[in-house]
Amino acid sequence: MTKADLIEQVHEAIGPGVTKKDCAAVVNAFLNAIKGAVIDGRHIEIRGFGTFKVRERRTRMARNPRTGDPVRVPARRVPVFKPSRLLREEVAARR
C-alpha cells in the first residue's frame, strides 16, 4: 500500500463532503506528527495498532562477509515499530 492508496481509503471512509486534497493534508499531517515525535525520541502508542519508539543500539563487532575481517559498528539510534497484541492476533487469524 502506498501513501496515495492510504489517502484514497481515507477519502472513501469520510465520504463525499471532503476533497481528496483535504484527505491528503490530514494523512500528511498525521505521518509528519509521528515522524517528528520519533525524531525527537518520543514514544508513540496507538492503542490497537502499535507503538513507535527509538531504540539505542550499542557498539558491536561484526564481520566483513567478503574478507572475514572484524568491523566495528558504531552505536546508533534506530526507529522501531512494535505491533499491538490485537494487530498481531488479527494478522494471524487471516491465514
PDB file of N, CA and C in Angstrom:
ATOM      1  N   MET A   1       0.844  -1.172   0.000  1.00  0.00           N
ATOM      2  CA  MET A   1       0.000   0.000   0.000  1.00  0.00           C
ATOM      3  C   MET A   1       0.894   1.242   0.000  1.00  0.00           C
ATOM      4  N   THR A   2       0.548   2.177  -0.830  1.00  0.00           N
ATOM      5  CA  THR A   2       1.303   3.430  -0.905  1.00  0.00           C
ATOM      6  C   THR A   2       0.542   4.530  -0.158  1.00  0.00           C
ATOM      7  N   LYS A   3       1.197   5.684  -0.016  1.00  0.00           N
ATOM      8  CA  LYS A   3       0.526   6.806   0.637  1.00  0.00           C
ATOM      9  C   LYS A   3      -0.701   7.229  -0.161  1.00  0.00           C
ATOM     10  N   ALA A   4      -0.614   7.173  -1.486  1.00  0.00           N
ATOM     11  CA  ALA A   4      -1.764   7.515  -2.332  1.00  0.00           C
ATOM     12  C   ALA A   4      -2.931   6.565  -2.073  1.00  0.00           C
ATOM     13  N   ASP A   5      -2.639   5.268  -1.890  1.00  0.00           N
ATOM     14  CA  ASP A   5      -3.688   4.294  -1.559  1.00  0.00           C
ATOM     15  C   ASP A   5      -4.322   4.617  -0.205  1.00  0.00           C
ATOM     16  N   LEU A   6      -3.493   5.002   0.746  1.00  0.00           N
ATOM     17  CA  LEU A   6      -3.985   5.362   2.068  1.00  0.00           C
ATOM     18  C   LEU A   6      -4.889   6.596   1.989  1.00  0.00           C
ATOM     19  N   ILE A   7      -4.481   7.588   1.233  1.00  0.00           N
ATOM     20  CA  ILE A   7      -5.293   8.795   1.044  1.00  0.00           C
ATOM     21  C   ILE A   7      -6.625   8.433   0.403  1.00  0.00           C
ATOM     22  N   GLU A   8      -6.597   7.547  -0.574  1.00  0.00           N
ATOM     23  CA  GLU A   8      -7.831   7.108  -1.244  1.00  0.00           C
ATOM     24  C   GLU A   8      -8.776   6.417  -0.255  1.00  0.00           C
ATOM     25  N   GLN A   9      -8.238   5.562   0.604  1.00  0.00           N
ATOM     26  CA  GLN A   9      -9.077   4.871   1.590  1.00  0.00           C
ATOM     27  C   GLN A   9      -9.667   5.840   2.607  1.00  0.00           C
ATOM     28  N   VAL A  10      -8.880   6.836   3.020  1.00  0.00           N
ATOM     29  CA  VAL A  10      -9.399   7.846   3.947  1.00  0.00           C
ATOM     30  C   VAL A  10     -10.509   8.632   3.272  1.00  0.00           C
ATOM     31  N   HIS A  11     -10.311   8.986   2.010  1.00  0.00           N
ATOM     32  CA  HIS A  11     -11.320   9.736   1.257  1.00  0.00           C
ATOM     33  C   HIS A  11     -12.620   8.936   1.145  1.00  0.00           C
ATOM     34  N   GLU A  12     -12.520   7.638   0.866  1.00  0.00           N
ATOM     35  CA  GLU A  12     -13.705   6.787   0.766  1.00  0.00           C
ATOM     36  C   GLU A  12     -14.401   6.625   2.123  1.00  0.00           C
ATOM     37  N   ALA A  13     -13.615   6.568   3.202  1.00  0.00           N
ATOM     38  CA  ALA A  13     -14.197   6.381   4.533  1.00  0.00           C
ATOM     39  C   ALA A  13     -14.924   7.632   5.015  1.00  0.00           C
ATOM     40  N   ILE A  14     -14.408   8.805   4.665  1.00  0.00           N
ATOM     41  CA  ILE A  14     -15.026  10.058   5.120  1.00  0.00           C
ATOM     42  C   ILE A  14     -16.278  10.367   4.316  1.00  0.00           C
ATOM     43  N   GLY A  15     -16.240  10.118   3.030  1.00  0.00           N
ATOM     44  CA  GLY A  15     -17.411  10.370   2.205  1.00  0.00           C
ATOM     45  C   GLY A  15     -17.239  11.558   1.282  1.00  0.00           C
ATOM     46  N   PRO A  16     -18.311  11.946   0.603  1.00  0.00           N
ATOM     47  CA  PRO A  16     -18.219  12.959  -0.449  1.00  0.00           C
ATOM     48  C   PRO A  16     -18.042  14.395   0.058  1.00  0.00           C
ATOM     49  N   GLY A  17     -18.186  14.651   1.342  1.00  0.00           N
ATOM     50  CA  GLY A  17     -18.113  16.016   1.857  1.00  0.00           C
ATOM     51  C   GLY A  17     -16.717  16.600   1.933  1.00  0.00           C
ATOM     52  N   VAL A  18     -15.684  15.773   1.777  1.00  0.00           N
ATOM     53  CA  VAL A  18     -14.300  16.225   1.911  1.00  0.00           C
ATOM     54  C   VAL A  18     -13.542  15.884   0.632  1.00  0.00           C
ATOM     55  N   THR A  19     -12.692  16.804   0.183  1.00  0.00           N
ATOM     56  CA  THR A  19     -11.936  16.567  -1.046  1.00  0.00           C
ATOM     57  C   THR A  19     -10.751  15.657  -0.779  1.00  0.00           C
ATOM     58  N   LYS A  20     -10.225  15.091  -1.857  1.00  0.00           N
ATOM     59  CA  LYS A  20      -9.033  14.253  -1.748  1.00  0.00           C
ATOM     60  C   LYS A  20      -7.839  15.076  -1.271  1.00  0.00           C
ATOM     61  N   LYS A  21      -7.802  16.334  -1.674  1.00  0.00           N
ATOM     62  CA  LYS A  21      -6.715  17.219  -1.261  1.00  0.00           C
ATOM     63  C   LYS A  21      -6.732  17.413   0.255  1.00  0.00           C
ATOM     64  N   ASP A  22      -7.930  17.562   0.834  1.00  0.00           N
ATOM     65  CA  ASP A  22      -8.049  17.690   2.284  1.00  0.00           C
ATOM     66  C   ASP A  22      -7.647  16.394   2.981  1.00  0.00           C
ATOM     67  N   CYS A  23      -8.032  15.270   2.406  1.00  0.00           N
ATOM     68  CA  CYS A  23      -7.644  13.974   2.971  1.00  0.00           C
ATOM     69  C   CYS A  23      -6.126  13.803   2.933  1.00  0.00           C
ATOM     70  N   ALA A  24      -5.509  14.239   1.842  1.00  0.00           N
ATOM     71  CA  ALA A  24      -4.049  14.161   1.734  1.00  0.00           C
ATOM     72  C   ALA A  24      -3.391  15.019   2.805  1.00  0.00           C
ATOM     73  N   ALA A  25      -3.968  16.191   3.082  1.00  0.00           N
ATOM     74  CA  ALA A  25      -3.420  17.059   4.126  1.00  0.00           C
ATOM     75  C   ALA A  25      -3.506  16.389   5.499  1.00  0.00           C
ATOM     76  N   VAL A  26      -4.612  15.702   5.771  1.00  0.00           N
ATOM     77  CA  VAL A  26      -4.786  15.008   7.052  1.00  0.00           C
ATOM     78  C   VAL A  26      -3.781  13.865   7.181  1.00  0.00           C
ATOM     79  N   VAL A  27      -3.661  13.053   6.144  1.00  0.00           N
ATOM     80  CA  VAL A  27      -2.730  11.921   6.178  1.00  0.00           C
ATOM     81  C   VAL A  27      -1.301  12.428   6.334  1.00  0.00           C
ATOM     82  N   ASN A  28      -0.930  13.463   5.578  1.00  0.00           N
ATOM     83  CA  ASN A  28       0.430  14.019   5.678  1.00  0.00           C
ATOM     84  C   ASN A  28       0.694  14.593   7.067  1.00  0.00           C
ATOM     85  N   ALA A  29      -0.282  15.282   7.638  1.00  0.00           N
ATOM     86  CA  ALA A  29      -0.112  15.841   8.981  1.00  0.00           C
ATOM     87  C   ALA A  29       0.064  14.735  10.014  1.00  0.00           C
ATOM     88  N   PHE A  30      -0.712  13.674   9.892  1.00  0.00           N
ATOM     89  CA  PHE A  30      -0.602  12.538  10.811  1.00  0.00           C
ATOM     90  C   PHE A  30       0.778  11.885  10.714  1.00  0.00           C
ATOM     91  N   LEU A  31       1.217  11.608   9.496  1.00  0.00           N
ATOM     92  CA  LEU A  31       2.520  10.970   9.314  1.00  0.00           C
ATOM     93  C   LEU A  31       3.657  11.879   9.767  1.00  0.00           C
ATOM     94  N   ASN A  32       3.544  13.182   9.502  1.00  0.00           N
ATOM     95  CA  ASN A  32       4.580  14.121   9.944  1.00  0.00           C
ATOM     96  C   ASN A  32       4.623  14.233  11.464  1.00  0.00           C
ATOM     97  N   ALA A  33       3.473  14.152  12.125  1.00  0.00           N
ATOM     98  CA  ALA A  33       3.447  14.187  13.585  1.00  0.00           C
ATOM     99  C   ALA A  33       4.156  12.969  14.161  1.00  0.00           C
ATOM    100  N   ILE A  34       3.903  11.800  13.591  1.00  0.00           N
ATOM    101  CA  ILE A  34       4.585  10.584  14.050  1.00  0.00           C
ATOM    102  C   ILE A  34       6.083  10.693  13.786  1.00  0.00           C
ATOM    103  N   LYS A  35       6.439  11.119  12.580  1.00  0.00           N
ATOM    104  CA  LYS A  35       7.847  11.241  12.212  1.00  0.00           C
ATOM    105  C   LYS A  35       8.576  12.217  13.131  1.00  0.00           C
ATOM    106  N   GLY A  36       7.957  13.373  13.395  1.00  0.00           N
ATOM    107  CA  GLY A  36       8.587  14.363  14.263  1.00  0.00           C
ATOM    108  C   GLY A  36       8.790  13.852  15.675  1.00  0.00           C
ATOM    109  N   ALA A  37       7.805  13.130  16.202  1.00  0.00           N
ATOM    110  CA  ALA A  37       7.919  12.586  17.553  1.00  0.00           C
ATOM    111  C   ALA A  37       9.025  11.536  17.630  1.00  0.00           C
ATOM    112  N   VAL A  38       9.123  10.692  16.620  1.00  0.00           N
ATOM    113  CA  VAL A  38      10.180   9.663  16.612  1.00  0.00           C
ATOM    114  C   VAL A  38      11.551  10.317  16.498  1.00  0.00           C
ATOM    115  N   ILE A  39      11.669  11.340  15.656  1.00  0.00           N
ATOM    116  CA  ILE A  39      12.944  12.056  15.513  1.00  0.00           C
ATOM    117  C   ILE A  39      13.357  12.680  16.845  1.00  0.00           C
ATOM    118  N   ASP A  40      12.366  13.199  17.594  1.00  0.00           N
ATOM    119  CA  ASP A  40      12.645  13.795  18.906  1.00  0.00           C
ATOM    120  C   ASP A  40      12.904  12.748  19.981  1.00  0.00           C
ATOM    121  N   GLY A  41      12.735  11.466  19.639  1.00  0.00           N
ATOM    122  CA  GLY A  41      12.987  10.394  20.588  1.00  0.00           C
ATOM    123  C   GLY A  41      11.802  10.071  21.478  1.00  0.00           C
ATOM    124  N   ARG A  42      10.630  10.574  21.129  1.00  0.00           N
ATOM    125  CA  ARG A  42       9.445  10.318  21.941  1.00  0.00           C
ATOM    126  C   ARG A  42       8.804   8.985  21.567  1.00  0.00           C
ATOM    127  N   HIS A  43       8.059   8.448  22.509  1.00  0.00           N
ATOM    128  CA  HIS A  43       7.372   7.164  22.391  1.00  0.00           C
ATOM    129  C   HIS A  43       5.934   7.450  21.959  1.00  0.00           C
ATOM    130  N   ILE A  44       5.447   6.793  20.906  1.00  0.00           N
ATOM    131  CA  ILE A  44       4.084   6.996  20.414  1.00  0.00           C
ATOM    132  C   ILE A  44       3.340   5.672  20.507  1.00  0.00           C
ATOM    133  N   GLU A  45       2.196   5.686  21.166  1.00  0.00           N
ATOM    134  CA  GLU A  45       1.396   4.471  21.296  1.00  0.00           C
ATOM    135  C   GLU A  45       0.016   4.723  20.709  1.00  0.00           C
ATOM    136  N   ILE A  46      -0.374   3.906  19.740  1.00  0.00           N
ATOM    137  CA  ILE A  46      -1.699   3.969  19.140  1.00  0.00           C
ATOM    138  C   ILE A  46      -2.388   2.661  19.531  1.00  0.00           C
ATOM    139  N   ARG A  47      -3.327   2.761  20.462  1.00  0.00           N
ATOM    140  CA  ARG A  47      -3.992   1.563  21.001  1.00  0.00           C
ATOM    141  C   ARG A  47      -4.638   0.748  19.890  1.00  0.00           C
ATOM    142  N   GLY A  48      -4.417  -0.549  19.925  1.00  0.00           N
ATOM    143  CA  GLY A  48      -4.987  -1.446  18.938  1.00  0.00           C
ATOM    144  C   GLY A  48      -4.188  -1.522  17.651  1.00  0.00           C
ATOM    145  N   PHE A  49      -3.149  -0.683  17.522  1.00  0.00           N
ATOM    146  CA  PHE A  49      -2.333  -0.692  16.306  1.00  0.00           C
ATOM    147  C   PHE A  49      -0.886  -1.038  16.629  1.00  0.00           C
ATOM    148  N   GLY A  50      -0.232  -0.200  17.451  1.00  0.00           N
ATOM    149  CA  GLY A  50       1.145  -0.487  17.792  1.00  0.00           C
ATOM    150  C   GLY A  50       1.847   0.698  18.413  1.00  0.00           C
ATOM    151  N   THR A  51       3.159   0.539  18.602  1.00  0.00           N
ATOM    152  CA  THR A  51       3.985   1.533  19.261  1.00  0.00           C
ATOM    153  C   THR A  51       5.180   1.867  18.377  1.00  0.00           C
ATOM    154  N   PHE A  52       5.438   3.161  18.249  1.00  0.00           N
ATOM    155  CA  PHE A  52       6.632   3.653  17.570  1.00  0.00           C
ATOM    156  C   PHE A  52       7.565   4.197  18.640  1.00  0.00           C
ATOM    157  N   LYS A  53       8.843   3.834  18.573  1.00  0.00           N
ATOM    158  CA  LYS A  53       9.809   4.381  19.520  1.00  0.00           C
ATOM    159  C   LYS A  53      11.206   4.318  18.916  1.00  0.00           C
ATOM    160  N   VAL A  54      12.148   4.902  19.639  1.00  0.00           N
ATOM    161  CA  VAL A  54      13.542   4.907  19.208  1.00  0.00           C
ATOM    162  C   VAL A  54      14.315   4.000  20.145  1.00  0.00           C
ATOM    163  N   ARG A  55      15.092   3.130  19.582  1.00  0.00           N
ATOM    164  CA  ARG A  55      15.902   2.213  20.373  1.00  0.00           C
ATOM    165  C   ARG A  55      17.388   2.546  20.160  1.00  0.00           C
ATOM    166  N   GLU A  56      18.138   2.466  21.235  1.00  0.00           N
ATOM    167  CA  GLU A  56      19.580   2.711  21.171  1.00  0.00           C
ATOM    168  C   GLU A  56      20.283   1.384  20.895  1.00  0.00           C
ATOM    169  N   ARG A  57      21.061   1.356  19.834  1.00  0.00           N
ATOM    170  CA  ARG A  57      21.869   0.165  19.530  1.00  0.00           C
ATOM    171  C   ARG A  57      23.283   0.402  20.042  1.00  0.00           C
ATOM    172  N   ARG A  58      23.846  -0.578  20.719  1.00  0.00           N
ATOM    173  CA  ARG A  58      25.201  -0.450  21.254  1.00  0.00           C
ATOM    174  C   ARG A  58      26.241  -0.673  20.165  1.00  0.00           C
ATOM    175  N   THR A  59      27.443  -0.248  20.448  1.00  0.00           N
ATOM    176  CA  THR A  59      28.565  -0.541  19.563  1.00  0.00           C
ATOM    177  C   THR A  59      28.801  -2.045  19.586  1.00  0.00           C
ATOM    178  N   ARG A  60      29.094  -2.608  18.411  1.00  0.00           N
ATOM    179  CA  ARG A  60      29.337  -4.047  18.359  1.00  0.00           C
ATOM    180  C   ARG A  60      30.375  -4.355  17.287  1.00  0.00           C
ATOM    181  N   MET A  61      30.881  -5.558  17.373  1.00  0.00           N
ATOM    182  CA  MET A  61      31.826  -6.023  16.366  1.00  0.00           C
ATOM    183  C   MET A  61      31.076  -6.950  15.401  1.00  0.00           C
ATOM    184  N   ALA A  62      31.312  -6.725  14.117  1.00  0.00           N
ATOM    185  CA  ALA A  62      30.715  -7.556  13.075  1.00  0.00           C
ATOM    186  C   ALA A  62      31.839  -8.070  12.184  1.00  0.00           C
ATOM    187  N   ARG A  63      31.488  -8.811  11.181  1.00  0.00           N
ATOM    188  CA  ARG A  63      32.492  -9.337  10.247  1.00  0.00           C
ATOM    189  C   ARG A  63      32.158  -8.908   8.832  1.00  0.00           C
ATOM    190  N   ASN A  64      33.186  -8.544   8.088  1.00  0.00           N
ATOM    191  CA  ASN A  64      33.033  -8.268   6.665  1.00  0.00           C
ATOM    192  C   ASN A  64      32.796  -9.618   5.993  1.00  0.00           C
ATOM    193  N   PRO A  65      31.654  -9.816   5.319  1.00  0.00           N
ATOM    194  CA  PRO A  65      31.355 -11.133   4.746  1.00  0.00           C
ATOM    195  C   PRO A  65      32.323 -11.547   3.637  1.00  0.00           C
ATOM    196  N   ARG A  66      32.908 -10.589   2.963  1.00  0.00           N
ATOM    197  CA  ARG A  66      33.821 -10.917   1.870  1.00  0.00           C
ATOM    198  C   ARG A  66      35.195 -11.352   2.372  1.00  0.00           C
ATOM    199  N   THR A  67      35.740 -10.597   3.356  1.00  0.00           N
ATOM    200  CA  THR A  67      37.099 -10.878   3.819  1.00  0.00           C
ATOM    201  C   THR A  67      37.152 -11.595   5.156  1.00  0.00           C
ATOM    202  N   GLY A  68      36.083 -11.513   5.939  1.00  0.00           N
ATOM    203  CA  GLY A  68      36.076 -12.130   7.258  1.00  0.00           C
ATOM    204  C   GLY A  68      36.732 -11.261   8.319  1.00  0.00           C
ATOM    205  N   ASP A  69      37.219 -10.067   7.925  1.00  0.00           N
ATOM    206  CA  ASP A  69      37.851  -9.164   8.880  1.00  0.00           C
ATOM    207  C   ASP A  69      36.817  -8.590   9.844  1.00  0.00           C
ATOM    208  N   PRO A  70      37.209  -8.408  11.110  1.00  0.00           N
ATOM    209  CA  PRO A  70      36.276  -7.784  12.054  1.00  0.00           C
ATOM    210  C   PRO A  70      36.078  -6.299  11.715  1.00  0.00           C
ATOM    211  N   VAL A  71      34.843  -5.841  11.887  1.00  0.00           N
ATOM    212  CA  VAL A  71      34.494  -4.449  11.607  1.00  0.00           C
ATOM    213  C   VAL A  71      33.724  -3.912  12.805  1.00  0.00           C
ATOM    214  N   ARG A  72      34.112  -2.713  13.271  1.00  0.00           N
ATOM    215  CA  ARG A  72      33.406  -2.090  14.395  1.00  0.00           C
ATOM    216  C   ARG A  72      32.187  -1.343  13.860  1.00  0.00           C
ATOM    217  N   VAL A  73      31.000  -1.685  14.393  1.00  0.00           N
ATOM    218  CA  VAL A  73      29.770  -1.000  14.022  1.00  0.00           C
ATOM    219  C   VAL A  73      29.462  -0.026  15.163  1.00  0.00           C
ATOM    220  N   PRO A  74      29.419   1.286  14.881  1.00  0.00           N
ATOM    221  CA  PRO A  74      29.222   2.258  15.964  1.00  0.00           C
ATOM    222  C   PRO A  74      27.808   2.229  16.538  1.00  0.00           C
ATOM    223  N   ALA A  75      27.672   2.783  17.734  1.00  0.00           N
ATOM    224  CA  ALA A  75      26.358   2.894  18.370  1.00  0.00           C
ATOM    225  C   ALA A  75      25.498   3.829  17.534  1.00  0.00           C
ATOM    226  N   ARG A  76      24.198   3.573  17.563  1.00  0.00           N
ATOM    227  CA  ARG A  76      23.294   4.414  16.793  1.00  0.00           C
ATOM    228  C   ARG A  76      21.885   4.293  17.341  1.00  0.00           C
ATOM    229  N   ARG A  77      21.038   5.239  16.943  1.00  0.00           N
ATOM    230  CA  ARG A  77      19.626   5.228  17.308  1.00  0.00           C
ATOM    231  C   ARG A  77      18.839   4.769  16.086  1.00  0.00           C
ATOM    232  N   VAL A  78      17.883   3.868  16.308  1.00  0.00           N
ATOM    233  CA  VAL A  78      17.085   3.357  15.194  1.00  0.00           C
ATOM    234  C   VAL A  78      15.601   3.424  15.552  1.00  0.00           C
ATOM    235  N   PRO A  79      14.737   3.775  14.578  1.00  0.00           N
ATOM    236  CA  PRO A  79      13.300   3.749  14.844  1.00  0.00           C
ATOM    237  C   PRO A  79      12.797   2.313  14.835  1.00  0.00           C
ATOM    238  N   VAL A  80      11.847   2.034  15.727  1.00  0.00           N
ATOM    239  CA  VAL A  80      11.316   0.675  15.872  1.00  0.00           C
ATOM    240  C   VAL A  80       9.792   0.758  15.942  1.00  0.00           C
ATOM    241  N   PHE A  81       9.111  -0.174  15.281  1.00  0.00           N
ATOM    242  CA  PHE A  81       7.661  -0.299  15.393  1.00  0.00           C
ATOM    243  C   PHE A  81       7.353  -1.663  15.982  1.00  0.00           C
ATOM    244  N   LYS A  82       6.525  -1.676  17.017  1.00  0.00           N
ATOM    245  CA  LYS A  82       6.091  -2.933  17.618  1.00  0.00           C
ATOM    246  C   LYS A  82       4.571  -2.998  17.503  1.00  0.00           C
ATOM    247  N   PRO A  83       4.043  -3.959  16.746  1.00  0.00           N
ATOM    248  CA  PRO A  83       2.584  -4.063  16.605  1.00  0.00           C
ATOM    249  C   PRO A  83       1.936  -4.474  17.928  1.00  0.00           C
ATOM    250  N   SER A  84       0.703  -4.035  18.119  1.00  0.00           N
ATOM    251  CA  SER A  84      -0.030  -4.388  19.332  1.00  0.00           C
ATOM    252  C   SER A  84      -0.434  -5.861  19.281  1.00  0.00           C
ATOM    253  N   ARG A  85      -0.792  -6.374  20.432  1.00  0.00           N
ATOM    254  CA  ARG A  85      -1.234  -7.762  20.518  1.00  0.00           C
ATOM    255  C   ARG A  85      -2.470  -7.970  19.644  1.00  0.00           C
ATOM    256  N   LEU A  86      -3.384  -7.005  19.656  1.00  0.00           N
ATOM    257  CA  LEU A  86      -4.608  -7.122  18.851  1.00  0.00           C
ATOM    258  C   LEU A  86      -4.286  -7.195  17.359  1.00  0.00           C
ATOM    259  N   LEU A  87      -3.368  -6.358  16.900  1.00  0.00           N
ATOM    260  CA  LEU A  87      -2.989  -6.373  15.481  1.00  0.00           C
ATOM    261  C   LEU A  87      -2.317  -7.705  15.130  1.00  0.00           C
ATOM    262  N   ARG A  88      -1.430  -8.175  15.993  1.00  0.00           N
ATOM    263  CA  ARG A  88      -0.776  -9.464  15.725  1.00  0.00           C
ATOM    264  C   ARG A  88      -1.791 -10.591  15.639  1.00  0.00           C
ATOM    265  N   GLU A  89      -2.792 -10.578  16.522  1.00  0.00           N
ATOM    266  CA  GLU A  89      -3.817 -11.626  16.517  1.00  0.00           C
ATOM    267  C   GLU A  89      -4.672 -11.551  15.255  1.00  0.00           C
ATOM    268  N   GLU A  90      -5.020 -10.341  14.813  1.00  0.00           N
ATOM    269  CA  GLU A  90      -5.818 -10.200  13.599  1.00  0.00           C
ATOM    270  C   GLU A  90      -5.059 -10.674  12.371  1.00  0.00           C
ATOM    271  N   VAL A  91      -3.764 -10.360  12.316  1.00  0.00           N
ATOM    272  CA  VAL A  91      -2.951 -10.809  11.183  1.00  0.00           C
ATOM    273  C   VAL A  91      -2.849 -12.336  11.178  1.00  0.00           C
ATOM    274  N   ALA A  92      -2.636 -12.912  12.357  1.00  0.00           N
ATOM    275  CA  ALA A  92      -2.525 -14.366  12.457  1.00  0.00           C
ATOM    276  C   ALA A  92      -3.838 -15.068  12.094  1.00  0.00           C
ATOM    277  N   ALA A  93      -4.963 -14.418  12.389  1.00  0.00           N
ATOM    278  CA  ALA A  93      -6.270 -15.020  12.099  1.00  0.00           C
ATOM    279  C   ALA A  93      -6.585 -15.039  10.613  1.00  0.00           C
ATOM    280  N   ARG A  94      -5.933 -14.213   9.821  1.00  0.00           N
ATOM    281  CA  ARG A  94      -6.196 -14.123   8.374  1.00  0.00           C
ATOM    282  C   ARG A  94      -5.555 -15.244   7.560  1.00  0.00           C
ATOM    283  N   ARG A  95      -4.779 -16.097   8.162  1.00  0.00           N
ATOM    284  CA  ARG A  95      -4.093 -17.155   7.418  1.00  0.00           C
ATOM    285  C   ARG A  95      -5.030 -18.130   6.846  1.00  0.00           C
TER     286      ARG A  95
END
